[in-house]
Amino acid sequence: MALFDDHIIQAKKNLAFRRHNDVNHALNPEVALSTTKWSPEEFKSYIKLFQLSRRARYLVSESEGVIDQGRAFLTYDKHLARAVRHLDVLLVLFCRRYPEVTFKKISIKCIELKKNELKAIFIA
C-alpha cells in the first residue's frame, strides 16, 4: 500500500523502525538528517496522539517523556476531543501525501468537538 512507501524505503536501507523511539527520531523535524521528518505541527500531533492513546490504555499521564504512575488518569470527553483533533491533522497529512489512498469517512459524536472544526473527520 502506498501509505507505507516511506517506511518501506527506509526498511530497504536497513532503517526499519523497531521501537517508538526510532519512529520519533525519524519523524522529528529537528533531526536534520532524517529523510522522513514531518512538520512541527504534524510531529506534535503524532506525539500527543501517542500520549493520549497511552493514557486511554494504561491510565497514565505522560508529560515530556515522564510517566506519572502515582494515580490512575481517566479519559474524558476533553481527551477524546484532543485525540480526534490530532488524528485529523495526521489524516490531512496522509491525504495530502498519498492522494491515491482513500479513507472511509468517519463520524464522531463528542460534546467537546464543534461541527466544521475538523478537515478530515465529520462531527455528528
PDB file of N, CA and C in Angstrom:
ATOM      1  N   MET A   1       0.834  -1.171   0.000  1.00  0.00           N
ATOM      2  CA  MET A   1       0.000   0.000   0.000  1.00  0.00           C
ATOM      3  C   MET A   1       0.886   1.244   0.000  1.00  0.00           C
ATOM      4  N   ALA A   2       0.539   2.215  -0.788  1.00  0.00           N
ATOM      5  CA  ALA A   2       1.360   3.413  -0.961  1.00  0.00           C
ATOM      6  C   ALA A   2       1.560   4.176   0.342  1.00  0.00           C
ATOM      7  N   LEU A   3       0.638   4.049   1.260  1.00  0.00           N
ATOM      8  CA  LEU A   3       0.718   4.765   2.528  1.00  0.00           C
ATOM      9  C   LEU A   3       2.018   4.470   3.266  1.00  0.00           C
ATOM     10  N   PHE A   4       2.564   3.293   3.058  1.00  0.00           N
ATOM     11  CA  PHE A   4       3.743   2.887   3.801  1.00  0.00           C
ATOM     12  C   PHE A   4       5.027   2.963   2.975  1.00  0.00           C
ATOM     13  N   ASP A   5       4.983   3.611   1.815  1.00  0.00           N
ATOM     14  CA  ASP A   5       6.149   3.708   0.940  1.00  0.00           C
ATOM     15  C   ASP A   5       7.370   4.263   1.657  1.00  0.00           C
ATOM     16  N   ASP A   6       7.215   5.368   2.405  1.00  0.00           N
ATOM     17  CA  ASP A   6       8.353   5.960   3.105  1.00  0.00           C
ATOM     18  C   ASP A   6       9.012   4.959   4.034  1.00  0.00           C
ATOM     19  N   HIS A   7       8.199   4.201   4.726  1.00  0.00           N
ATOM     20  CA  HIS A   7       8.740   3.245   5.688  1.00  0.00           C
ATOM     21  C   HIS A   7       9.347   2.030   4.997  1.00  0.00           C
ATOM     22  N   ILE A   8       8.789   1.627   3.861  1.00  0.00           N
ATOM     23  CA  ILE A   8       9.362   0.516   3.096  1.00  0.00           C
ATOM     24  C   ILE A   8      10.728   0.926   2.554  1.00  0.00           C
ATOM     25  N   ILE A   9      10.816   2.153   2.045  1.00  0.00           N
ATOM     26  CA  ILE A   9      12.101   2.658   1.552  1.00  0.00           C
ATOM     27  C   ILE A   9      13.124   2.656   2.675  1.00  0.00           C
ATOM     28  N   GLN A  10      12.714   3.117   3.844  1.00  0.00           N
ATOM     29  CA  GLN A  10      13.624   3.120   4.987  1.00  0.00           C
ATOM     30  C   GLN A  10      14.052   1.697   5.354  1.00  0.00           C
ATOM     31  N   ALA A  11      13.118   0.747   5.289  1.00  0.00           N
ATOM     32  CA  ALA A  11      13.432  -0.648   5.617  1.00  0.00           C
ATOM     33  C   ALA A  11      14.446  -1.218   4.628  1.00  0.00           C
ATOM     34  N   LYS A  12      14.313  -0.870   3.357  1.00  0.00           N
ATOM     35  CA  LYS A  12      15.258  -1.350   2.343  1.00  0.00           C
ATOM     36  C   LYS A  12      16.652  -0.782   2.586  1.00  0.00           C
ATOM     37  N   LYS A  13      16.722   0.358   3.239  1.00  0.00           N
ATOM     38  CA  LYS A  13      18.005   0.965   3.587  1.00  0.00           C
ATOM     39  C   LYS A  13      18.474   0.491   4.956  1.00  0.00           C
ATOM     40  N   ASN A  14      17.842  -0.572   5.467  1.00  0.00           N
ATOM     41  CA  ASN A  14      18.136  -1.104   6.803  1.00  0.00           C
ATOM     42  C   ASN A  14      17.877  -0.073   7.901  1.00  0.00           C
ATOM     43  N   LEU A  15      16.861   0.742   7.699  1.00  0.00           N
ATOM     44  CA  LEU A  15      16.480   1.729   8.697  1.00  0.00           C
ATOM     45  C   LEU A  15      15.082   1.431   9.223  1.00  0.00           C
ATOM     46  N   ALA A  16      14.768   0.160   9.349  1.00  0.00           N
ATOM     47  CA  ALA A  16      13.439  -0.233   9.823  1.00  0.00           C
ATOM     48  C   ALA A  16      13.232   0.257  11.251  1.00  0.00           C
ATOM     49  N   PHE A  17      12.012   0.653  11.526  1.00  0.00           N
ATOM     50  CA  PHE A  17      11.687   1.184  12.847  1.00  0.00           C
ATOM     51  C   PHE A  17      11.190   0.049  13.725  1.00  0.00           C
ATOM     52  N   ARG A  18      11.943  -0.258  14.760  1.00  0.00           N
ATOM     53  CA  ARG A  18      11.584  -1.363  15.641  1.00  0.00           C
ATOM     54  C   ARG A  18      11.025  -0.880  16.978  1.00  0.00           C
ATOM     55  N   ARG A  19      11.227   0.382  17.290  1.00  0.00           N
ATOM     56  CA  ARG A  19      10.770   0.937  18.565  1.00  0.00           C
ATOM     57  C   ARG A  19      10.109   2.285  18.319  1.00  0.00           C
ATOM     58  N   HIS A  20       9.289   2.699  19.267  1.00  0.00           N
ATOM     59  CA  HIS A  20       8.651   4.013  19.164  1.00  0.00           C
ATOM     60  C   HIS A  20       9.698   5.127  19.087  1.00  0.00           C
ATOM     61  N   ASN A  21      10.782   4.978  19.817  1.00  0.00           N
ATOM     62  CA  ASN A  21      11.833   5.996  19.778  1.00  0.00           C
ATOM     63  C   ASN A  21      12.431   6.140  18.380  1.00  0.00           C
ATOM     64  N   ASP A  22      12.536   5.016  17.637  1.00  0.00           N
ATOM     65  CA  ASP A  22      13.051   5.062  16.270  1.00  0.00           C
ATOM     66  C   ASP A  22      12.106   5.867  15.371  1.00  0.00           C
ATOM     67  N   VAL A  23      10.821   5.639  15.535  1.00  0.00           N
ATOM     68  CA  VAL A  23       9.828   6.381  14.754  1.00  0.00           C
ATOM     69  C   VAL A  23       9.880   7.860  15.125  1.00  0.00           C
ATOM     70  N   ASN A  24       9.927   8.155  16.415  1.00  0.00           N
ATOM     71  CA  ASN A  24      10.009   9.548  16.876  1.00  0.00           C
ATOM     72  C   ASN A  24      11.213  10.253  16.262  1.00  0.00           C
ATOM     73  N   HIS A  25      12.349   9.573  16.249  1.00  0.00           N
ATOM     74  CA  HIS A  25      13.578  10.152  15.700  1.00  0.00           C
ATOM     75  C   HIS A  25      13.424  10.406  14.196  1.00  0.00           C
ATOM     76  N   ALA A  26      12.818   9.471  13.493  1.00  0.00           N
ATOM     77  CA  ALA A  26      12.670   9.603  12.039  1.00  0.00           C
ATOM     78  C   ALA A  26      11.706  10.720  11.655  1.00  0.00           C
ATOM     79  N   LEU A  27      10.663  10.936  12.445  1.00  0.00           N
ATOM     80  CA  LEU A  27       9.647  11.928  12.114  1.00  0.00           C
ATOM     81  C   LEU A  27       9.956  13.312  12.685  1.00  0.00           C
ATOM     82  N   ASN A  28      10.848  13.387  13.630  1.00  0.00           N
ATOM     83  CA  ASN A  28      11.147  14.624  14.338  1.00  0.00           C
ATOM     84  C   ASN A  28      11.720  15.679  13.389  1.00  0.00           C
ATOM     85  N   PRO A  29      11.063  16.841  13.275  1.00  0.00           N
ATOM     86  CA  PRO A  29      11.546  17.875  12.356  1.00  0.00           C
ATOM     87  C   PRO A  29      12.882  18.491  12.767  1.00  0.00           C
ATOM     88  N   GLU A  30      13.301  18.265  14.006  1.00  0.00           N
ATOM     89  CA  GLU A  30      14.571  18.825  14.476  1.00  0.00           C
ATOM     90  C   GLU A  30      15.765  17.923  14.155  1.00  0.00           C
ATOM     91  N   VAL A  31      15.511  16.729  13.609  1.00  0.00           N
ATOM     92  CA  VAL A  31      16.597  15.825  13.228  1.00  0.00           C
ATOM     93  C   VAL A  31      16.982  16.155  11.786  1.00  0.00           C
ATOM     94  N   ALA A  32      18.102  16.825  11.626  1.00  0.00           N
ATOM     95  CA  ALA A  32      18.496  17.365  10.322  1.00  0.00           C
ATOM     96  C   ALA A  32      18.655  16.291   9.243  1.00  0.00           C
ATOM     97  N   LEU A  33      19.160  15.129   9.587  1.00  0.00           N
ATOM     98  CA  LEU A  33      19.443  14.108   8.578  1.00  0.00           C
ATOM     99  C   LEU A  33      18.276  13.178   8.280  1.00  0.00           C
ATOM    100  N   SER A  34      17.170  13.343   8.953  1.00  0.00           N
ATOM    101  CA  SER A  34      16.025  12.461   8.729  1.00  0.00           C
ATOM    102  C   SER A  34      15.427  12.718   7.348  1.00  0.00           C
ATOM    103  N   THR A  35      15.152  11.644   6.623  1.00  0.00           N
ATOM    104  CA  THR A  35      14.533  11.764   5.293  1.00  0.00           C
ATOM    105  C   THR A  35      13.021  11.635   5.367  1.00  0.00           C
ATOM    106  N   THR A  36      12.498  11.375   6.562  1.00  0.00           N
ATOM    107  CA  THR A  36      11.054  11.180   6.709  1.00  0.00           C
ATOM    108  C   THR A  36      10.438  12.156   7.704  1.00  0.00           C
ATOM    109  N   LYS A  37      11.138  13.241   8.008  1.00  0.00           N
ATOM    110  CA  LYS A  37      10.644  14.155   9.045  1.00  0.00           C
ATOM    111  C   LYS A  37       9.357  14.859   8.603  1.00  0.00           C
ATOM    112  N   TRP A  38       8.539  15.159   9.606  1.00  0.00           N
ATOM    113  CA  TRP A  38       7.270  15.849   9.404  1.00  0.00           C
ATOM    114  C   TRP A  38       7.415  17.294   9.851  1.00  0.00           C
ATOM    115  N   SER A  39       6.387  18.084   9.569  1.00  0.00           N
ATOM    116  CA  SER A  39       6.379  19.469  10.041  1.00  0.00           C
ATOM    117  C   SER A  39       6.250  19.457  11.570  1.00  0.00           C
ATOM    118  N   PRO A  40       6.612  20.556  12.230  1.00  0.00           N
ATOM    119  CA  PRO A  40       6.469  20.603  13.694  1.00  0.00           C
ATOM    120  C   PRO A  40       5.037  20.339  14.158  1.00  0.00           C
ATOM    121  N   GLU A  41       4.044  20.875  13.437  1.00  0.00           N
ATOM    122  CA  GLU A  41       2.640  20.660  13.821  1.00  0.00           C
ATOM    123  C   GLU A  41       2.255  19.182  13.677  1.00  0.00           C
ATOM    124  N   GLU A  42       2.664  18.552  12.592  1.00  0.00           N
ATOM    125  CA  GLU A  42       2.338  17.139  12.368  1.00  0.00           C
ATOM    126  C   GLU A  42       3.031  16.258  13.405  1.00  0.00           C
ATOM    127  N   PHE A  43       4.291  16.552  13.689  1.00  0.00           N
ATOM    128  CA  PHE A  43       5.028  15.763  14.671  1.00  0.00           C
ATOM    129  C   PHE A  43       4.415  15.924  16.065  1.00  0.00           C
ATOM    130  N   LYS A  44       4.043  17.152  16.419  1.00  0.00           N
ATOM    131  CA  LYS A  44       3.397  17.384  17.717  1.00  0.00           C
ATOM    132  C   LYS A  44       2.104  16.577  17.818  1.00  0.00           C
ATOM    133  N   SER A  45       1.323  16.561  16.742  1.00  0.00           N
ATOM    134  CA  SER A  45       0.071  15.792  16.752  1.00  0.00           C
ATOM    135  C   SER A  45       0.342  14.305  16.918  1.00  0.00           C
ATOM    136  N   TYR A  46       1.390  13.812  16.259  1.00  0.00           N
ATOM    137  CA  TYR A  46       1.768  12.394  16.394  1.00  0.00           C
ATOM    138  C   TYR A  46       2.117  12.083  17.855  1.00  0.00           C
ATOM    139  N   ILE A  47       2.951  12.910  18.464  1.00  0.00           N
ATOM    140  CA  ILE A  47       3.380  12.685  19.851  1.00  0.00           C
ATOM    141  C   ILE A  47       2.191  12.782  20.807  1.00  0.00           C
ATOM    142  N   LYS A  48       1.358  13.798  20.644  1.00  0.00           N
ATOM    143  CA  LYS A  48       0.200  13.976  21.529  1.00  0.00           C
ATOM    144  C   LYS A  48      -0.792  12.827  21.374  1.00  0.00           C
ATOM    145  N   LEU A  49      -1.018  12.369  20.144  1.00  0.00           N
ATOM    146  CA  LEU A  49      -1.923  11.239  19.928  1.00  0.00           C
ATOM    147  C   LEU A  49      -1.351   9.978  20.573  1.00  0.00           C
ATOM    148  N   PHE A  50      -0.046   9.787  20.467  1.00  0.00           N
ATOM    149  CA  PHE A  50       0.622   8.659  21.116  1.00  0.00           C
ATOM    150  C   PHE A  50       0.420   8.722  22.634  1.00  0.00           C
ATOM    151  N   GLN A  51       0.622   9.903  23.222  1.00  0.00           N
ATOM    152  CA  GLN A  51       0.468  10.058  24.673  1.00  0.00           C
ATOM    153  C   GLN A  51      -0.981   9.847  25.111  1.00  0.00           C
ATOM    154  N   LEU A  52      -1.919  10.373  24.336  1.00  0.00           N
ATOM    155  CA  LEU A  52      -3.339  10.192  24.687  1.00  0.00           C
ATOM    156  C   LEU A  52      -3.762   8.733  24.553  1.00  0.00           C
ATOM    157  N   SER A  53      -3.202   8.025  23.587  1.00  0.00           N
ATOM    158  CA  SER A  53      -3.544   6.600  23.446  1.00  0.00           C
ATOM    159  C   SER A  53      -3.000   5.803  24.634  1.00  0.00           C
ATOM    160  N   ARG A  54      -1.820   6.172  25.110  1.00  0.00           N
ATOM    161  CA  ARG A  54      -1.261   5.504  26.299  1.00  0.00           C
ATOM    162  C   ARG A  54      -2.111   5.813  27.536  1.00  0.00           C
ATOM    163  N   ARG A  55      -2.597   7.044  27.627  1.00  0.00           N
ATOM    164  CA  ARG A  55      -3.471   7.412  28.749  1.00  0.00           C
ATOM    165  C   ARG A  55      -4.715   6.534  28.736  1.00  0.00           C
ATOM    166  N   ALA A  56      -5.324   6.367  27.555  1.00  0.00           N
ATOM    167  CA  ALA A  56      -6.549   5.580  27.444  1.00  0.00           C
ATOM    168  C   ALA A  56      -6.290   4.101  27.747  1.00  0.00           C
ATOM    169  N   ARG A  57      -5.157   3.571  27.297  1.00  0.00           N
ATOM    170  CA  ARG A  57      -4.867   2.147  27.501  1.00  0.00           C
ATOM    171  C   ARG A  57      -4.380   1.832  28.900  1.00  0.00           C
ATOM    172  N   TYR A  58      -3.474   2.645  29.413  1.00  0.00           N
ATOM    173  CA  TYR A  58      -2.782   2.304  30.660  1.00  0.00           C
ATOM    174  C   TYR A  58      -3.143   3.197  31.847  1.00  0.00           C
ATOM    175  N   LEU A  59      -4.022   4.191  31.615  1.00  0.00           N
ATOM    176  CA  LEU A  59      -4.447   5.114  32.669  1.00  0.00           C
ATOM    177  C   LEU A  59      -3.278   5.864  33.283  1.00  0.00           C
ATOM    178  N   VAL A  60      -2.299   6.224  32.440  1.00  0.00           N
ATOM    179  CA  VAL A  60      -1.147   7.000  32.889  1.00  0.00           C
ATOM    180  C   VAL A  60      -1.144   8.343  32.169  1.00  0.00           C
ATOM    181  N   SER A  61      -0.489   9.311  32.772  1.00  0.00           N
ATOM    182  CA  SER A  61      -0.319  10.610  32.134  1.00  0.00           C
ATOM    183  C   SER A  61       1.159  10.788  31.852  1.00  0.00           C
ATOM    184  N   GLU A  62       1.442  11.246  30.640  1.00  0.00           N
ATOM    185  CA  GLU A  62       2.833  11.394  30.227  1.00  0.00           C
ATOM    186  C   GLU A  62       3.081  12.846  29.839  1.00  0.00           C
ATOM    187  N   SER A  63       4.084  13.430  30.456  1.00  0.00           N
ATOM    188  CA  SER A  63       4.446  14.801  30.135  1.00  0.00           C
ATOM    189  C   SER A  63       5.946  14.855  29.893  1.00  0.00           C
ATOM    190  N   GLU A  64       6.321  15.274  28.692  1.00  0.00           N
ATOM    191  CA  GLU A  64       7.719  15.376  28.308  1.00  0.00           C
ATOM    192  C   GLU A  64       8.485  14.080  28.569  1.00  0.00           C
ATOM    193  N   GLY A  65       7.869  12.951  28.220  1.00  0.00           N
ATOM    194  CA  GLY A  65       8.534  11.665  28.329  1.00  0.00           C
ATOM    195  C   GLY A  65       8.541  11.048  29.711  1.00  0.00           C
ATOM    196  N   VAL A  66       7.984  11.747  30.700  1.00  0.00           N
ATOM    197  CA  VAL A  66       7.957  11.228  32.071  1.00  0.00           C
ATOM    198  C   VAL A  66       6.538  10.759  32.376  1.00  0.00           C
ATOM    199  N   ILE A  67       6.416   9.510  32.781  1.00  0.00           N
ATOM    200  CA  ILE A  67       5.103   8.939  33.072  1.00  0.00           C
ATOM    201  C   ILE A  67       4.808   9.063  34.554  1.00  0.00           C
ATOM    202  N   ASP A  68       3.668   9.663  34.859  1.00  0.00           N
ATOM    203  CA  ASP A  68       3.207   9.786  36.245  1.00  0.00           C
ATOM    204  C   ASP A  68       2.347   8.569  36.550  1.00  0.00           C
ATOM    205  N   GLN A  69       2.883   7.650  37.341  1.00  0.00           N
ATOM    206  CA  GLN A  69       2.160   6.425  37.678  1.00  0.00           C
ATOM    207  C   GLN A  69       1.598   6.460  39.088  1.00  0.00           C
ATOM    208  N   GLY A  70       1.613   7.613  39.707  1.00  0.00           N
ATOM    209  CA  GLY A  70       1.170   7.726  41.091  1.00  0.00           C
ATOM    210  C   GLY A  70      -0.330   7.543  41.273  1.00  0.00           C
ATOM    211  N   ARG A  71      -1.100   7.701  40.206  1.00  0.00           N
ATOM    212  CA  ARG A  71      -2.551   7.531  40.294  1.00  0.00           C
ATOM    213  C   ARG A  71      -3.089   7.196  38.914  1.00  0.00           C
ATOM    214  N   ALA A  72      -4.332   6.792  38.861  1.00  0.00           N
ATOM    215  CA  ALA A  72      -4.963   6.469  37.581  1.00  0.00           C
ATOM    216  C   ALA A  72      -5.471   7.742  36.913  1.00  0.00           C
ATOM    217  N   PHE A  73      -5.192   7.894  35.627  1.00  0.00           N
ATOM    218  CA  PHE A  73      -5.661   9.033  34.847  1.00  0.00           C
ATOM    219  C   PHE A  73      -6.728   8.542  33.879  1.00  0.00           C
ATOM    220  N   LEU A  74      -7.960   8.941  34.118  1.00  0.00           N
ATOM    221  CA  LEU A  74      -9.065   8.508  33.268  1.00  0.00           C
ATOM    222  C   LEU A  74      -9.107   9.345  32.000  1.00  0.00           C
ATOM    223  N   THR A  75      -9.856   8.856  31.024  1.00  0.00           N
ATOM    224  CA  THR A  75     -10.009   9.558  29.761  1.00  0.00           C
ATOM    225  C   THR A  75     -11.419  10.124  29.686  1.00  0.00           C
ATOM    226  N   TYR A  76     -11.507  11.421  29.502  1.00  0.00           N
ATOM    227  CA  TYR A  76     -12.792  12.118  29.449  1.00  0.00           C
ATOM    228  C   TYR A  76     -13.035  12.666  28.041  1.00  0.00           C
ATOM    229  N   ASP A  77     -14.195  13.307  27.869  1.00  0.00           N
ATOM    230  CA  ASP A  77     -14.541  13.885  26.571  1.00  0.00           C
ATOM    231  C   ASP A  77     -13.469  14.837  26.062  1.00  0.00           C
ATOM    232  N   LYS A  78     -12.883  15.622  26.952  1.00  0.00           N
ATOM    233  CA  LYS A  78     -11.858  16.578  26.523  1.00  0.00           C
ATOM    234  C   LYS A  78     -10.637  15.860  25.955  1.00  0.00           C
ATOM    235  N   HIS A  79     -10.313  14.676  26.483  1.00  0.00           N
ATOM    236  CA  HIS A  79      -9.183  13.914  25.977  1.00  0.00           C
ATOM    237  C   HIS A  79      -9.519  13.293  24.615  1.00  0.00           C
ATOM    238  N   LEU A  80     -10.751  12.813  24.472  1.00  0.00           N
ATOM    239  CA  LEU A  80     -11.195  12.295  23.180  1.00  0.00           C
ATOM    240  C   LEU A  80     -11.126  13.396  22.126  1.00  0.00           C
ATOM    241  N   ALA A  81     -11.595  14.587  22.477  1.00  0.00           N
ATOM    242  CA  ALA A  81     -11.570  15.706  21.530  1.00  0.00           C
ATOM    243  C   ALA A  81     -10.143  16.040  21.119  1.00  0.00           C
ATOM    244  N   ARG A  82      -9.225  16.063  22.074  1.00  0.00           N
ATOM    245  CA  ARG A  82      -7.817  16.340  21.742  1.00  0.00           C
ATOM    246  C   ARG A  82      -7.271  15.264  20.803  1.00  0.00           C
ATOM    247  N   ALA A  83      -7.569  14.015  21.107  1.00  0.00           N
ATOM    248  CA  ALA A  83      -7.083  12.917  20.266  1.00  0.00           C
ATOM    249  C   ALA A  83      -7.643  13.031  18.847  1.00  0.00           C
ATOM    250  N   VAL A  84      -8.917  13.346  18.725  1.00  0.00           N
ATOM    251  CA  VAL A  84      -9.545  13.465  17.406  1.00  0.00           C
ATOM    252  C   VAL A  84      -8.937  14.634  16.635  1.00  0.00           C
ATOM    253  N   ARG A  85      -8.672  15.733  17.305  1.00  0.00           N
ATOM    254  CA  ARG A  85      -8.045  16.880  16.628  1.00  0.00           C
ATOM    255  C   ARG A  85      -6.656  16.520  16.103  1.00  0.00           C
ATOM    256  N   HIS A  86      -5.887  15.804  16.910  1.00  0.00           N
ATOM    257  CA  HIS A  86      -4.552  15.387  16.466  1.00  0.00           C
ATOM    258  C   HIS A  86      -4.656  14.351  15.341  1.00  0.00           C
ATOM    259  N   LEU A  87      -5.599  13.443  15.438  1.00  0.00           N
ATOM    260  CA  LEU A  87      -5.812  12.470  14.366  1.00  0.00           C
ATOM    261  C   LEU A  87      -6.191  13.178  13.073  1.00  0.00           C
ATOM    262  N   ASP A  88      -7.000  14.207  13.162  1.00  0.00           N
ATOM    263  CA  ASP A  88      -7.410  14.972  11.990  1.00  0.00           C
ATOM    264  C   ASP A  88      -6.199  15.583  11.288  1.00  0.00           C
ATOM    265  N   VAL A  89      -5.261  16.124  12.058  1.00  0.00           N
ATOM    266  CA  VAL A  89      -4.035  16.694  11.476  1.00  0.00           C
ATOM    267  C   VAL A  89      -3.280  15.621  10.700  1.00  0.00           C
ATOM    268  N   LEU A  90      -3.178  14.421  11.279  1.00  0.00           N
ATOM    269  CA  LEU A  90      -2.443  13.342  10.617  1.00  0.00           C
ATOM    270  C   LEU A  90      -3.183  12.816   9.394  1.00  0.00           C
ATOM    271  N   LEU A  91      -4.502  12.761   9.459  1.00  0.00           N
ATOM    272  CA  LEU A  91      -5.274  12.334   8.282  1.00  0.00           C
ATOM    273  C   LEU A  91      -5.109  13.321   7.130  1.00  0.00           C
ATOM    274  N   VAL A  92      -5.085  14.604   7.436  1.00  0.00           N
ATOM    275  CA  VAL A  92      -4.847  15.616   6.398  1.00  0.00           C
ATOM    276  C   VAL A  92      -3.464  15.406   5.777  1.00  0.00           C
ATOM    277  N   LEU A  93      -2.464  15.137   6.608  1.00  0.00           N
ATOM    278  CA  LEU A  93      -1.109  14.851   6.119  1.00  0.00           C
ATOM    279  C   LEU A  93      -1.118  13.653   5.175  1.00  0.00           C
ATOM    280  N   PHE A  94      -1.730  12.547   5.605  1.00  0.00           N
ATOM    281  CA  PHE A  94      -1.738  11.347   4.776  1.00  0.00           C
ATOM    282  C   PHE A  94      -2.495  11.560   3.473  1.00  0.00           C
ATOM    283  N   CYS A  95      -3.610  12.268   3.533  1.00  0.00           N
ATOM    284  CA  CYS A  95      -4.399  12.532   2.319  1.00  0.00           C
ATOM    285  C   CYS A  95      -3.606  13.403   1.339  1.00  0.00           C
ATOM    286  N   ARG A  96      -2.824  14.329   1.862  1.00  0.00           N
ATOM    287  CA  ARG A  96      -2.007  15.201   1.009  1.00  0.00           C
ATOM    288  C   ARG A  96      -0.843  14.426   0.392  1.00  0.00           C
ATOM    289  N   ARG A  97      -0.180  13.611   1.188  1.00  0.00           N
ATOM    290  CA  ARG A  97       0.987  12.863   0.696  1.00  0.00           C
ATOM    291  C   ARG A  97       0.616  11.679  -0.188  1.00  0.00           C
ATOM    292  N   TYR A  98      -0.531  11.092   0.074  1.00  0.00           N
ATOM    293  CA  TYR A  98      -0.936   9.881  -0.642  1.00  0.00           C
ATOM    294  C   TYR A  98      -2.338  10.055  -1.212  1.00  0.00           C
ATOM    295  N   PRO A  99      -2.500  10.885  -2.239  1.00  0.00           N
ATOM    296  CA  PRO A  99      -3.843  11.160  -2.770  1.00  0.00           C
ATOM    297  C   PRO A  99      -4.525   9.927  -3.353  1.00  0.00           C
ATOM    298  N   GLU A 100      -3.747   8.923  -3.706  1.00  0.00           N
ATOM    299  CA  GLU A 100      -4.336   7.696  -4.260  1.00  0.00           C
ATOM    300  C   GLU A 100      -4.979   6.815  -3.188  1.00  0.00           C
ATOM    301  N   VAL A 101      -4.677   7.088  -1.931  1.00  0.00           N
ATOM    302  CA  VAL A 101      -5.248   6.322  -0.823  1.00  0.00           C
ATOM    303  C   VAL A 101      -6.471   7.069  -0.299  1.00  0.00           C
ATOM    304  N   THR A 102      -7.556   6.346  -0.136  1.00  0.00           N
ATOM    305  CA  THR A 102      -8.758   6.982   0.397  1.00  0.00           C
ATOM    306  C   THR A 102      -9.089   6.390   1.762  1.00  0.00           C
ATOM    307  N   PHE A 103      -9.603   7.238   2.599  1.00  0.00           N
ATOM    308  CA  PHE A 103     -10.027   6.816   3.920  1.00  0.00           C
ATOM    309  C   PHE A 103     -11.544   6.873   3.974  1.00  0.00           C
ATOM    310  N   LYS A 104     -12.111   5.896   4.598  1.00  0.00           N
ATOM    311  CA  LYS A 104     -13.558   5.898   4.778  1.00  0.00           C
ATOM    312  C   LYS A 104     -13.927   7.049   5.701  1.00  0.00           C
ATOM    313  N   LYS A 105     -14.955   7.795   5.335  1.00  0.00           N
ATOM    314  CA  LYS A 105     -15.406   8.907   6.181  1.00  0.00           C
ATOM    315  C   LYS A 105     -15.900   8.359   7.507  1.00  0.00           C
ATOM    316  N   ILE A 106     -15.489   8.998   8.580  1.00  0.00           N
ATOM    317  CA  ILE A 106     -15.952   8.588   9.898  1.00  0.00           C
ATOM    318  C   ILE A 106     -16.693   9.746  10.539  1.00  0.00           C
ATOM    319  N   SER A 107     -17.620   9.416  11.379  1.00  0.00           N
ATOM    320  CA  SER A 107     -18.410  10.414  12.083  1.00  0.00           C
ATOM    321  C   SER A 107     -18.230  10.189  13.576  1.00  0.00           C
ATOM    322  N   ILE A 108     -17.966  11.257  14.293  1.00  0.00           N
ATOM    323  CA  ILE A 108     -17.718  11.165  15.730  1.00  0.00           C
ATOM    324  C   ILE A 108     -18.667  12.106  16.463  1.00  0.00           C
ATOM    325  N   LYS A 109     -19.206  11.596  17.557  1.00  0.00           N
ATOM    326  CA  LYS A 109     -20.076  12.405  18.397  1.00  0.00           C
ATOM    327  C   LYS A 109     -19.354  12.637  19.718  1.00  0.00           C
ATOM    328  N   CYS A 110     -19.029  13.902  19.981  1.00  0.00           N
ATOM    329  CA  CYS A 110     -18.316  14.256  21.208  1.00  0.00           C
ATOM    330  C   CYS A 110     -18.698  15.689  21.550  1.00  0.00           C
ATOM    331  N   ILE A 111     -19.159  15.912  22.773  1.00  0.00           N
ATOM    332  CA  ILE A 111     -19.641  17.248  23.153  1.00  0.00           C
ATOM    333  C   ILE A 111     -18.538  18.297  23.140  1.00  0.00           C
ATOM    334  N   GLU A 112     -17.289  17.875  23.168  1.00  0.00           N
ATOM    335  CA  GLU A 112     -16.166  18.816  23.174  1.00  0.00           C
ATOM    336  C   GLU A 112     -15.749  19.260  21.769  1.00  0.00           C
ATOM    337  N   LEU A 113     -16.338  18.653  20.729  1.00  0.00           N
ATOM    338  CA  LEU A 113     -15.990  18.998  19.350  1.00  0.00           C
ATOM    339  C   LEU A 113     -17.129  19.768  18.703  1.00  0.00           C
ATOM    340  N   LYS A 114     -16.772  20.708  17.844  1.00  0.00           N
ATOM    341  CA  LYS A 114     -17.770  21.517  17.155  1.00  0.00           C
ATOM    342  C   LYS A 114     -17.828  21.143  15.675  1.00  0.00           C
ATOM    343  N   LYS A 115     -19.006  21.274  15.082  1.00  0.00           N
ATOM    344  CA  LYS A 115     -19.161  20.994  13.652  1.00  0.00           C
ATOM    345  C   LYS A 115     -18.232  21.904  12.861  1.00  0.00           C
ATOM    346  N   ASN A 116     -17.713  21.375  11.770  1.00  0.00           N
ATOM    347  CA  ASN A 116     -16.821  22.091  10.844  1.00  0.00           C
ATOM    348  C   ASN A 116     -15.486  22.493  11.473  1.00  0.00           C
ATOM    349  N   GLU A 117     -15.173  21.937  12.624  1.00  0.00           N
ATOM    350  CA  GLU A 117     -13.900  22.235  13.274  1.00  0.00           C
ATOM    351  C   GLU A 117     -12.743  21.473  12.614  1.00  0.00           C
ATOM    352  N   LEU A 118     -13.051  20.306  12.076  1.00  0.00           N
ATOM    353  CA  LEU A 118     -12.025  19.421  11.533  1.00  0.00           C
ATOM    354  C   LEU A 118     -12.086  19.388  10.013  1.00  0.00           C
ATOM    355  N   LYS A 119     -11.001  18.909   9.406  1.00  0.00           N
ATOM    356  CA  LYS A 119     -10.929  18.866   7.943  1.00  0.00           C
ATOM    357  C   LYS A 119     -11.204  17.480   7.378  1.00  0.00           C
ATOM    358  N   ALA A 120     -10.791  16.432   8.084  1.00  0.00           N
ATOM    359  CA  ALA A 120     -10.913  15.086   7.546  1.00  0.00           C
ATOM    360  C   ALA A 120     -11.939  14.230   8.265  1.00  0.00           C
ATOM    361  N   ILE A 121     -12.429  14.684   9.409  1.00  0.00           N
ATOM    362  CA  ILE A 121     -13.357  13.903  10.216  1.00  0.00           C
ATOM    363  C   ILE A 121     -14.669  14.681  10.353  1.00  0.00           C
ATOM    364  N   PHE A 122     -15.769  13.981  10.195  1.00  0.00           N
ATOM    365  CA  PHE A 122     -17.100  14.599  10.271  1.00  0.00           C
ATOM    366  C   PHE A 122     -17.589  14.521  11.716  1.00  0.00           C
ATOM    367  N   ILE A 123     -18.071  15.644  12.243  1.00  0.00           N
ATOM    368  CA  ILE A 123     -18.633  15.691  13.591  1.00  0.00           C
ATOM    369  C   ILE A 123     -20.135  15.528  13.503  1.00  0.00           C
ATOM    370  N   ALA A 124     -20.653  14.511  14.169  1.00  0.00           N
ATOM    371  CA  ALA A 124     -22.095  14.231  14.130  1.00  0.00           C
ATOM    372  C   ALA A 124     -22.848  15.177  15.046  1.00  0.00           C
TER     373      ALA A 124
END
